[in-house]
C-alpha atoms as a PDB file:
ATOM      1  CA  MET A   1       0.000   0.000   0.000  1.00  0.00           C
ATOM      2  CA  SER A   2       1.431   3.357  -1.004  1.00  0.00           C
ATOM      3  CA  LYS A   3       1.983   6.266   1.353  1.00  0.00           C
ATOM      4  CA  VAL A   4      -0.825   8.450  -0.001  1.00  0.00           C
ATOM      5  CA  CYS A   5      -3.697  10.000   1.930  1.00  0.00           C
ATOM      6  CA  GLN A   6      -7.026   8.677   0.657  1.00  0.00           C
ATOM      7  CA  ILE A   7      -8.823  11.906   1.574  1.00  0.00           C
ATOM      8  CA  THR A   8      -6.491  14.746   0.556  1.00  0.00           C
ATOM      9  CA  GLY A   9      -4.247  12.921  -1.935  1.00  0.00           C
ATOM     10  CA  LYS A  10      -1.096  14.074  -0.144  1.00  0.00           C
ATOM     11  CA  LYS A  11       2.035  12.015  -0.823  1.00  0.00           C
ATOM     12  CA  ALA A  12       5.756  12.127  -0.092  1.00  0.00           C
ATOM     13  CA  ILE A  13       7.823  14.907  -1.656  1.00  0.00           C
ATOM     14  CA  VAL A  14      11.575  15.152  -2.250  1.00  0.00           C
ATOM     15  CA  GLY A  15      13.859  17.814  -0.830  1.00  0.00           C
ATOM     16  CA  ASN A  16      17.380  18.325   0.439  1.00  0.00           C
ATOM     17  CA  ASN A  17      19.236  17.888   3.709  1.00  0.00           C
ATOM     18  CA  VAL A  18      21.465  20.968   3.839  1.00  0.00           C
ATOM     19  CA  SER A  19      24.563  20.768   6.009  1.00  0.00           C
ATOM     20  CA  PHE A  20      26.463  23.641   7.625  1.00  0.00           C
ATOM     21  CA  SER A  21      28.888  23.632   4.674  1.00  0.00           C
ATOM     22  CA  ASN A  22      25.808  23.987   2.388  1.00  0.00           C
ATOM     23  CA  LYS A  23      26.290  20.502   0.941  1.00  0.00           C
ATOM     24  CA  LYS A  24      22.957  19.100  -0.260  1.00  0.00           C
ATOM     25  CA  ASN A  25      21.833  15.470   0.017  1.00  0.00           C
ATOM     26  CA  LYS A  26      18.484  14.192  -1.213  1.00  0.00           C
ATOM     27  CA  ARG A  27      15.859  13.239   1.370  1.00  0.00           C
ATOM     28  CA  LYS A  28      12.158  12.435   1.494  1.00  0.00           C
ATOM     29  CA  PHE A  29       9.412  14.307   3.355  1.00  0.00           C
ATOM     30  CA  ASN A  30       6.842  11.617   4.168  1.00  0.00           C
ATOM     31  CA  VAL A  31       3.177  12.260   4.927  1.00  0.00           C
ATOM     32  CA  ASN A  32       1.885  11.965   8.499  1.00  0.00           C
ATOM     33  CA  LEU A  33      -0.446   8.992   7.828  1.00  0.00           C
ATOM     34  CA  PHE A  34      -2.725   7.035  10.155  1.00  0.00           C
ATOM     35  CA  LYS A  35      -4.738   3.887   9.509  1.00  0.00           C
ATOM     36  CA  LYS A  36      -8.142   4.781  10.939  1.00  0.00           C
ATOM     37  CA  ARG A  37     -11.622   3.241  11.017  1.00  0.00           C
ATOM     38  CA  PHE A  38     -14.660   5.447  10.438  1.00  0.00           C
ATOM     39  CA  TYR A  39     -18.340   4.693  10.908  1.00  0.00           C
ATOM     40  CA  ILE A  40     -20.700   5.858   8.155  1.00  0.00           C
ATOM     41  CA  PRO A  41     -24.212   6.103   9.659  1.00  0.00           C
ATOM     42  CA  GLU A  42     -25.958   6.570   6.280  1.00  0.00           C
ATOM     43  CA  GLU A  43     -24.638   3.201   5.048  1.00  0.00           C
ATOM     44  CA  ASP A  44     -24.526   1.631   8.547  1.00  0.00           C
ATOM     45  CA  ARG A  45     -20.976   0.295   8.044  1.00  0.00           C
ATOM     46  CA  TRP A  46     -17.343   0.830   9.016  1.00  0.00           C
ATOM     47  CA  ILE A  47     -14.535   1.687   6.568  1.00  0.00           C
ATOM     48  CA  THR A  48     -10.775   1.760   7.074  1.00  0.00           C
ATOM     49  CA  LEU A  49      -8.827   4.620   5.503  1.00  0.00           C
ATOM     50  CA  ARG A  50      -5.204   5.753   5.391  1.00  0.00           C
ATOM     51  CA  VAL A  51      -5.630   9.382   6.371  1.00  0.00           C
ATOM     52  CA  SER A  52      -3.150  12.207   6.919  1.00  0.00           C
ATOM     53  CA  ALA A  53      -3.356  14.489   9.943  1.00  0.00           C
ATOM     54  CA  SER A  54      -4.864  17.263   7.818  1.00  0.00           C
ATOM     55  CA  GLY A  55      -7.369  14.761   6.403  1.00  0.00           C
ATOM     56  CA  LEU A  56      -8.446  13.905   9.958  1.00  0.00           C
ATOM     57  CA  LYS A  57      -8.968  17.603  10.672  1.00  0.00           C
ATOM     58  CA  ASN A  58     -11.144  17.879   7.556  1.00  0.00           C
ATOM     59  CA  ILE A  59     -13.242  14.897   8.655  1.00  0.00           C
ATOM     60  CA  ASN A  60     -13.681  16.322  12.160  1.00  0.00           C
ATOM     61  CA  LYS A  61     -14.700  19.710  10.766  1.00  0.00           C
ATOM     62  CA  ARG A  62     -16.967  18.766   7.833  1.00  0.00           C
ATOM     63  CA  GLY A  63     -18.073  15.201   8.587  1.00  0.00           C
ATOM     64  CA  ILE A  64     -17.129  11.856   7.045  1.00  0.00           C
ATOM     65  CA  SER A  65     -19.950  11.760   4.476  1.00  0.00           C
ATOM     66  CA  SER A  66     -19.175  15.045   2.725  1.00  0.00           C
ATOM     67  CA  VAL A  67     -15.415  14.422   2.807  1.00  0.00           C
ATOM     68  CA  LEU A  68     -15.830  10.944   1.275  1.00  0.00           C
ATOM     69  CA  LYS A  69     -18.079  12.298  -1.475  1.00  0.00           C
ATOM     70  CA  GLU A  70     -15.489  14.962  -2.372  1.00  0.00           C
ATOM     71  CA  ALA A  71     -12.586  12.454  -2.268  1.00  0.00           C
ATOM     72  CA  LYS A  72     -14.446  10.136  -4.666  1.00  0.00           C
ATOM     73  CA  ALA A  73     -15.151  13.057  -7.011  1.00  0.00           C
ATOM     74  CA  LYS A  74     -11.454  14.008  -7.068  1.00  0.00           C
ATOM     75  CA  GLY A  75     -10.400  10.384  -7.623  1.00  0.00           C
ATOM     76  CA  PHE A  76      -8.457   9.902  -4.391  1.00  0.00           C
ATOM     77  CA  LEU A  77     -10.802   7.126  -3.262  1.00  0.00           C
ATOM     78  CA  ASN A  78     -12.008   4.268  -5.455  1.00  0.00           C
END
């Protein structure tokens, strides 16, 4: 399973470690992902998602149903 948020679509990006001498080495900035179960009352079932911290904030603010509908529309969720 890839390290991509199923709600926001966030994934790892590449950057540099910069030393004191200004030497640059490649590094990866990974996403802060959690495997979390959510209950959908409209469908009366549980789903498991890989969600980033910002995705969790979106779910808490707007509700799981509206966030899932938007994620499916954007193609982040199959």
